N, C-alpha and C. Protein backbone atom coordinates (compact mmCIF):
# COMPACT_ATOMS: atom_id res chain seq x y z
N MET A 1 94.77 73.91 101.43
CA MET A 1 94.47 75.18 101.24
C MET A 1 94.34 75.71 100.10
N THR A 2 93.23 76.91 99.91
CA THR A 2 93.06 77.43 99.40
C THR A 2 94.56 78.54 98.77
N PRO A 3 94.64 78.75 97.66
CA PRO A 3 96.23 80.03 97.01
C PRO A 3 95.68 81.13 97.18
N PRO A 4 96.65 81.85 97.37
CA PRO A 4 96.44 83.26 97.63
C PRO A 4 96.23 84.06 96.38
N LYS A 5 95.56 85.09 96.63
CA LYS A 5 94.96 85.63 95.64
C LYS A 5 95.79 87.45 95.57
N HIS A 6 96.01 87.34 94.67
CA HIS A 6 97.34 88.70 94.42
C HIS A 6 96.95 89.80 93.01
N ILE A 7 96.05 90.53 93.39
CA ILE A 7 96.56 91.72 91.89
C ILE A 7 98.45 92.22 91.95
N LEU A 8 98.38 92.36 90.65
CA LEU A 8 99.66 92.73 90.50
C LEU A 8 98.92 94.06 89.09
N ALA A 9 99.63 95.04 89.22
CA ALA A 9 98.97 95.70 88.60
C ALA A 9 100.28 96.28 87.99
N ALA A 10 100.26 97.72 86.64
CA ALA A 10 101.91 98.10 86.33
C ALA A 10 101.11 99.60 85.91
N TYR A 11 102.18 100.30 86.27
CA TYR A 11 102.26 102.05 85.81
C TYR A 11 103.59 102.63 85.34
N VAL A 12 102.95 103.39 84.53
CA VAL A 12 104.34 103.66 83.51
C VAL A 12 104.30 105.64 83.77
N LEU A 13 106.06 105.92 84.08
CA LEU A 13 106.53 107.12 84.20
C LEU A 13 106.36 106.95 82.54
N ILE A 14 105.83 108.31 82.03
CA ILE A 14 105.91 108.36 80.09
C ILE A 14 106.91 110.00 80.42
N LEU A 15 108.10 109.97 80.05
CA LEU A 15 108.41 111.03 80.15
C LEU A 15 108.38 111.44 78.21
N ASN A 16 108.02 112.58 78.17
CA ASN A 16 107.77 113.03 76.45
C ASN A 16 109.28 113.91 76.34
N TYR A 17 109.45 114.41 74.79
CA TYR A 17 111.49 115.19 74.82
C TYR A 17 111.04 116.73 75.18
N ASP A 18 109.99 116.37 76.00
CA ASP A 18 110.31 118.31 76.44
C ASP A 18 110.99 117.63 78.24
N ALA A 19 110.60 116.23 78.94
CA ALA A 19 110.61 115.41 80.40
C ALA A 19 109.39 116.15 80.61
N GLU A 20 108.47 115.69 80.02
CA GLU A 20 107.02 115.44 80.57
C GLU A 20 105.90 115.24 80.95
N ILE A 21 105.97 115.00 82.19
CA ILE A 21 105.24 113.78 82.47
C ILE A 21 103.80 113.42 82.18
N LEU A 22 103.28 112.49 81.99
CA LEU A 22 102.33 111.75 81.47
C LEU A 22 100.81 111.62 82.26
N LEU A 23 100.00 112.55 82.76
CA LEU A 23 98.50 112.54 84.05
C LEU A 23 97.75 111.81 83.10
N ILE A 24 96.61 111.20 83.83
CA ILE A 24 95.48 110.97 83.70
C ILE A 24 94.69 111.47 84.67
N LYS A 25 93.39 112.11 84.52
CA LYS A 25 93.07 112.38 85.87
C LYS A 25 91.73 111.45 86.11
N HIS A 26 91.44 110.95 86.86
CA HIS A 26 89.89 109.70 87.64
C HIS A 26 89.38 110.97 87.96
N PRO A 27 88.18 110.30 87.98
CA PRO A 27 87.02 111.38 88.77
C PRO A 27 87.01 111.15 90.38
N GLN A 28 86.84 109.91 90.89
CA GLN A 28 87.25 109.93 92.17
C GLN A 28 88.99 110.16 92.77
N ARG A 29 89.77 109.46 92.13
CA ARG A 29 91.55 109.86 92.68
C ARG A 29 91.73 110.75 92.29
N GLY A 30 91.95 111.51 91.44
CA GLY A 30 92.30 112.38 90.31
C GLY A 30 93.56 112.27 89.48
N TRP A 31 94.78 112.79 89.87
CA TRP A 31 95.46 112.85 88.50
C TRP A 31 96.46 111.80 88.83
N GLU A 32 96.50 110.88 88.12
CA GLU A 32 97.62 109.63 88.38
C GLU A 32 98.29 109.25 87.00
N LEU A 33 99.46 108.26 87.26
CA LEU A 33 99.84 107.74 86.22
C LEU A 33 98.97 106.55 85.55
N PRO A 34 99.18 106.73 84.38
CA PRO A 34 98.22 105.37 83.86
C PRO A 34 98.98 104.06 83.92
N GLY A 35 98.07 103.34 84.16
CA GLY A 35 97.99 102.15 84.08
C GLY A 35 97.49 100.98 85.43
N GLY A 36 97.74 99.75 84.76
CA GLY A 36 96.04 99.13 85.90
C GLY A 36 96.58 97.42 85.36
N GLN A 37 95.56 96.76 85.77
CA GLN A 37 95.61 95.20 86.08
C GLN A 37 96.06 94.61 85.33
N VAL A 38 97.03 93.74 86.01
CA VAL A 38 97.20 92.23 84.20
C VAL A 38 96.96 91.80 84.30
N LYS A 39 96.20 91.39 82.91
CA LYS A 39 95.23 90.02 83.02
C LYS A 39 95.78 89.01 83.47
N GLU A 40 94.70 87.58 83.58
CA GLU A 40 95.61 86.64 83.57
C GLU A 40 95.39 86.14 82.26
N ASN A 41 97.02 85.12 81.83
CA ASN A 41 97.95 84.76 81.22
C ASN A 41 99.05 86.35 80.23
N GLU A 42 98.96 87.28 81.09
CA GLU A 42 99.52 88.59 80.22
C GLU A 42 101.38 89.18 81.18
N SER A 43 101.25 89.12 80.55
CA SER A 43 103.00 89.08 80.71
C SER A 43 102.94 90.90 81.59
N ILE A 44 103.51 91.38 82.54
CA ILE A 44 103.76 92.74 83.10
C ILE A 44 103.83 93.80 81.92
N ARG A 45 104.95 93.45 81.40
CA ARG A 45 105.19 94.64 79.95
C ARG A 45 104.02 94.76 79.36
N LEU A 46 103.89 93.73 78.91
CA LEU A 46 102.80 94.36 77.97
C LEU A 46 101.30 94.66 78.48
N ALA A 47 101.56 94.25 79.89
CA ALA A 47 99.98 94.71 80.31
C ALA A 47 99.96 96.36 80.82
N ALA A 48 101.78 96.89 80.61
CA ALA A 48 102.17 98.23 81.20
C ALA A 48 101.71 99.08 79.67
N ILE A 49 102.29 98.33 78.83
CA ILE A 49 101.98 98.74 77.54
C ILE A 49 100.14 98.96 76.85
N ARG A 50 99.12 97.67 77.17
CA ARG A 50 98.63 97.61 76.90
C ARG A 50 97.51 99.44 77.39
N GLU A 51 98.09 99.10 78.90
CA GLU A 51 97.40 100.49 79.46
C GLU A 51 97.06 101.65 79.31
N VAL A 52 98.17 101.60 78.88
CA VAL A 52 98.45 103.16 78.37
C VAL A 52 98.19 102.81 77.35
N LYS A 53 98.11 102.43 76.48
CA LYS A 53 97.20 102.51 75.40
C LYS A 53 95.68 102.87 75.50
N GLU A 54 94.94 101.82 76.40
CA GLU A 54 93.91 102.13 76.40
C GLU A 54 93.59 103.23 78.01
N ASP A 55 94.20 103.65 78.09
CA ASP A 55 94.52 104.65 79.17
C ASP A 55 93.94 106.56 78.75
N THR A 56 95.52 106.13 77.74
CA THR A 56 95.52 108.04 77.03
C THR A 56 95.90 108.05 75.61
N GLY A 57 95.86 106.59 74.78
CA GLY A 57 95.81 106.59 73.72
C GLY A 57 97.42 106.99 73.20
N VAL A 58 98.07 106.81 74.00
CA VAL A 58 99.40 106.97 73.40
C VAL A 58 100.11 105.43 73.45
N LEU A 59 101.26 105.06 72.63
CA LEU A 59 101.43 104.09 71.95
C LEU A 59 103.03 103.72 72.55
N ILE A 60 103.73 103.22 73.98
CA ILE A 60 104.78 104.13 74.76
C ILE A 60 105.60 102.53 74.01
N LYS A 61 106.96 103.00 74.87
CA LYS A 61 108.16 101.97 74.39
C LYS A 61 108.72 102.22 75.81
N LEU A 62 108.28 100.95 76.72
CA LEU A 62 109.35 100.64 78.40
C LEU A 62 110.72 101.00 77.78
N VAL A 63 111.19 101.74 78.75
CA VAL A 63 112.78 102.30 78.63
C VAL A 63 113.75 101.86 79.68
N LYS A 64 112.41 101.41 81.31
CA LYS A 64 114.15 100.54 81.97
C LYS A 64 111.90 100.80 83.15
N TYR A 65 113.11 99.60 83.70
CA TYR A 65 112.11 99.38 85.37
C TYR A 65 112.34 99.44 86.29
N CYS A 66 111.48 100.02 86.70
CA CYS A 66 111.98 101.33 87.81
C CYS A 66 111.63 100.22 89.47
N GLY A 67 110.84 99.09 89.74
CA GLY A 67 110.67 98.98 91.14
C GLY A 67 109.40 98.70 91.16
N ILE A 68 108.74 97.89 92.64
CA ILE A 68 107.72 97.77 93.09
C ILE A 68 107.42 98.11 94.41
N PHE A 69 106.18 98.35 94.39
CA PHE A 69 105.71 99.28 95.62
C PHE A 69 104.29 98.21 96.06
N GLN A 70 103.73 97.48 96.87
CA GLN A 70 103.37 96.35 97.71
C GLN A 70 103.02 96.62 98.96
N ASN A 71 101.53 96.85 98.78
CA ASN A 71 100.44 97.10 99.34
C ASN A 71 99.79 95.37 100.10
N VAL A 72 100.61 95.67 101.04
CA VAL A 72 100.41 93.83 102.25
C VAL A 72 99.33 93.68 102.23
N ARG A 73 98.71 94.80 102.89
CA ARG A 73 97.24 94.49 102.88
C ARG A 73 95.97 93.82 102.29
N SER A 74 96.50 94.85 101.19
CA SER A 74 95.32 94.61 100.30
C SER A 74 96.06 93.60 99.12
N ASN A 75 96.90 92.74 99.41
CA ASN A 75 97.48 92.58 98.66
C ASN A 75 97.24 92.80 96.74
N ILE A 76 97.93 93.89 97.25
CA ILE A 76 98.41 94.38 95.71
C ILE A 76 99.64 94.72 95.28
N CYS A 77 100.64 94.14 94.59
CA CYS A 77 101.59 94.80 93.73
C CYS A 77 101.83 95.08 92.89
N ASN A 78 102.65 96.59 93.02
CA ASN A 78 102.14 97.60 91.83
C ASN A 78 103.96 97.65 91.38
N PHE A 79 103.88 97.46 89.88
CA PHE A 79 104.91 97.00 89.17
C PHE A 79 105.27 99.17 88.50
N LEU A 80 106.92 99.70 88.52
CA LEU A 80 106.56 100.57 88.01
C LEU A 80 107.69 100.47 86.64
N PHE A 81 107.31 101.19 85.73
CA PHE A 81 108.41 101.30 84.76
C PHE A 81 108.25 102.87 84.56
N ILE A 82 109.73 102.97 82.98
CA ILE A 82 110.03 104.38 82.90
C ILE A 82 109.83 104.51 81.34
N GLY A 83 108.77 104.82 80.40
CA GLY A 83 108.37 104.76 78.98
C GLY A 83 108.51 106.16 78.13
N LYS A 84 108.40 106.00 76.95
CA LYS A 84 108.43 106.81 76.38
C LYS A 84 107.46 106.65 74.96
N PRO A 85 107.16 108.34 74.81
CA PRO A 85 105.70 107.98 73.76
C PRO A 85 106.24 107.40 72.23
N ILE A 86 105.72 106.95 71.68
CA ILE A 86 106.45 106.76 69.96
C ILE A 86 105.36 106.69 68.63
N GLY A 87 104.27 107.30 69.59
CA GLY A 87 103.00 107.27 68.68
C GLY A 87 101.92 107.48 69.63
N GLY A 88 100.58 107.85 68.65
CA GLY A 88 99.10 107.63 69.15
C GLY A 88 98.73 108.90 69.17
N ARG A 89 98.24 109.35 69.93
CA ARG A 89 97.79 110.54 70.19
C ARG A 89 96.85 110.78 71.55
N ILE A 90 97.06 111.51 72.38
CA ILE A 90 96.25 111.31 73.85
C ILE A 90 94.96 111.52 73.18
N SER A 91 94.58 110.42 74.11
CA SER A 91 92.56 110.87 74.46
C SER A 91 92.22 109.89 75.40
N THR A 92 90.83 110.35 75.91
CA THR A 92 90.97 108.89 77.09
C THR A 92 89.62 108.88 76.30
N ASN A 93 89.08 107.58 76.89
CA ASN A 93 87.99 106.75 77.05
C ASN A 93 86.28 107.77 77.56
N GLY A 94 86.91 108.46 78.35
CA GLY A 94 85.44 109.05 78.66
C GLY A 94 85.05 107.82 80.06
N ASP A 95 84.96 107.42 79.86
CA ASP A 95 84.14 105.91 80.78
C ASP A 95 85.06 106.36 82.40
N GLU A 96 86.45 106.02 82.56
CA GLU A 96 87.36 106.49 83.59
C GLU A 96 88.05 106.93 83.50
N TYR A 97 88.24 107.96 82.80
CA TYR A 97 89.39 109.25 82.92
C TYR A 97 88.27 110.46 82.16
N GLU A 98 88.50 111.54 83.38
CA GLU A 98 88.20 112.63 82.83
C GLU A 98 89.04 113.43 81.56
N ASP A 99 90.44 112.82 82.01
CA ASP A 99 91.44 113.71 80.82
C ASP A 99 92.63 113.53 81.28
N ALA A 100 93.50 113.55 80.34
CA ALA A 100 95.03 113.51 79.87
C ALA A 100 96.10 114.38 79.42
N GLY A 101 96.74 114.34 80.02
CA GLY A 101 98.12 115.13 79.45
C GLY A 101 99.34 115.40 79.80
N TYR A 102 100.16 116.15 78.96
CA TYR A 102 101.79 116.37 79.86
C TYR A 102 101.92 117.57 80.46
N PHE A 103 102.56 117.03 81.29
CA PHE A 103 102.83 118.05 82.60
C PHE A 103 104.62 118.65 83.27
N PRO A 104 104.57 119.34 82.93
CA PRO A 104 106.59 119.76 83.46
C PRO A 104 106.51 119.06 85.16
N VAL A 105 107.46 118.20 85.48
CA VAL A 105 107.44 117.59 86.93
C VAL A 105 107.21 118.41 87.93
N GLU A 106 107.72 119.70 88.18
CA GLU A 106 106.88 120.21 88.54
C GLU A 106 105.37 120.66 89.58
N THR A 107 104.36 120.71 88.02
CA THR A 107 103.26 121.22 87.60
C THR A 107 102.73 119.48 88.70
N ALA A 108 103.30 118.82 87.62
CA ALA A 108 103.04 117.42 88.20
C ALA A 108 102.35 116.87 89.83
N MET A 109 104.02 116.98 90.22
CA MET A 109 104.13 117.19 91.60
C MET A 109 102.61 117.47 92.30
N ARG A 110 102.46 118.64 91.96
CA ARG A 110 100.87 119.95 92.22
C ARG A 110 100.12 119.18 92.37
N LEU A 111 99.46 118.62 91.47
CA LEU A 111 98.40 117.86 90.51
C LEU A 111 98.26 116.37 91.56
N VAL A 112 99.45 115.67 91.08
CA VAL A 112 99.04 115.12 91.99
C VAL A 112 98.45 114.77 93.54
N THR A 113 97.40 113.97 93.78
CA THR A 113 97.00 114.58 95.06
C THR A 113 97.52 113.25 96.31
N TRP A 114 97.37 112.15 95.44
CA TRP A 114 97.48 110.78 96.82
C TRP A 114 98.75 110.51 96.79
N ARG A 115 98.97 110.88 98.25
CA ARG A 115 100.51 110.81 98.39
C ARG A 115 101.29 109.18 98.19
N HIS A 116 100.90 107.82 97.93
CA HIS A 116 101.49 106.74 97.76
C HIS A 116 101.59 106.70 95.70
N MET A 117 101.26 108.03 95.27
CA MET A 117 100.53 107.64 94.02
C MET A 117 102.30 109.26 93.44
N LYS A 118 102.41 110.09 94.17
CA LYS A 118 103.39 110.68 94.19
C LYS A 118 104.87 110.43 94.88
N GLN A 119 105.07 109.38 95.49
CA GLN A 119 106.36 108.46 96.25
C GLN A 119 106.56 107.41 94.62
N ARG A 120 105.60 107.26 94.30
CA ARG A 120 106.04 106.34 93.05
C ARG A 120 106.60 107.49 92.09
N ILE A 121 106.17 108.16 92.01
CA ILE A 121 106.37 109.22 90.81
C ILE A 121 108.25 109.42 91.17
N LEU A 122 107.97 109.77 92.72
CA LEU A 122 109.84 110.63 92.88
C LEU A 122 110.45 109.30 93.30
N TYR A 123 110.11 108.65 93.23
CA TYR A 123 111.39 106.82 93.28
C TYR A 123 111.74 105.94 91.58
N CYS A 124 110.38 106.81 91.11
CA CYS A 124 110.69 106.54 89.78
C CYS A 124 111.73 107.53 88.81
N LEU A 125 111.52 108.96 89.26
CA LEU A 125 112.42 109.83 88.95
C LEU A 125 114.21 109.58 89.24
N ASP A 126 114.57 108.96 90.58
CA ASP A 126 115.51 109.16 91.20
C ASP A 126 116.39 107.74 91.11
N GLU A 127 116.65 108.00 89.73
CA GLU A 127 117.53 106.60 89.34
C GLU A 127 118.37 105.99 90.51
N ARG A 128 118.62 106.56 91.75
CA ARG A 128 120.08 105.72 92.55
C ARG A 128 118.60 105.05 93.46
N ARG A 129 117.26 104.99 93.13
CA ARG A 129 116.53 104.32 94.24
C ARG A 129 116.51 102.90 93.63
N HIS A 130 117.22 102.91 92.40
CA HIS A 130 116.51 102.06 90.73
C HIS A 130 117.42 100.55 91.32
N PRO A 131 116.44 99.40 91.35
CA PRO A 131 115.42 99.21 91.62
C PRO A 131 114.86 99.08 93.02
N PHE A 132 113.36 99.67 93.71
CA PHE A 132 112.82 99.78 94.55
C PHE A 132 112.15 98.60 95.21
N PHE A 133 111.78 98.51 95.89
CA PHE A 133 110.60 97.54 96.60
C PHE A 133 110.05 98.23 97.92
N VAL A 134 109.37 98.87 97.88
CA VAL A 134 108.44 99.48 98.61
C VAL A 134 107.22 98.75 99.49
N GLU A 135 107.13 98.42 100.58
CA GLU A 135 105.99 97.88 101.60
C GLU A 135 105.41 98.56 102.26
N TYR A 136 104.18 98.56 101.87
CA TYR A 136 103.01 100.25 102.61
C TYR A 136 101.91 98.86 102.95
């Protein structure tokens, strides 16, 4: 029997000292949290930090594990963390993302159009839900 193939991904809700959220803008998906796929032989925690640096130029420290969103049909588990910036400067590589920036929570929620990404942000911001496990 062939073992199942699952994709693990790590995303980070990064809050700066003004309680603004760092978002990145993908050409097709629009504004979203930075993050991406965990590589083979890589920890989920280190993948989250690496993806944020690659996507935004910002160095972060993870401060909290929030939970998991699992897309059952696509075999994808998205791990969510809260992080804070500790260095670097906002920049995008231009190949994958068009823009990045910090936004007040209300503005960020208007910019993010994908329903599941909005839900992830709301769950991360609501500590009473931690740790969460959401299947869809």
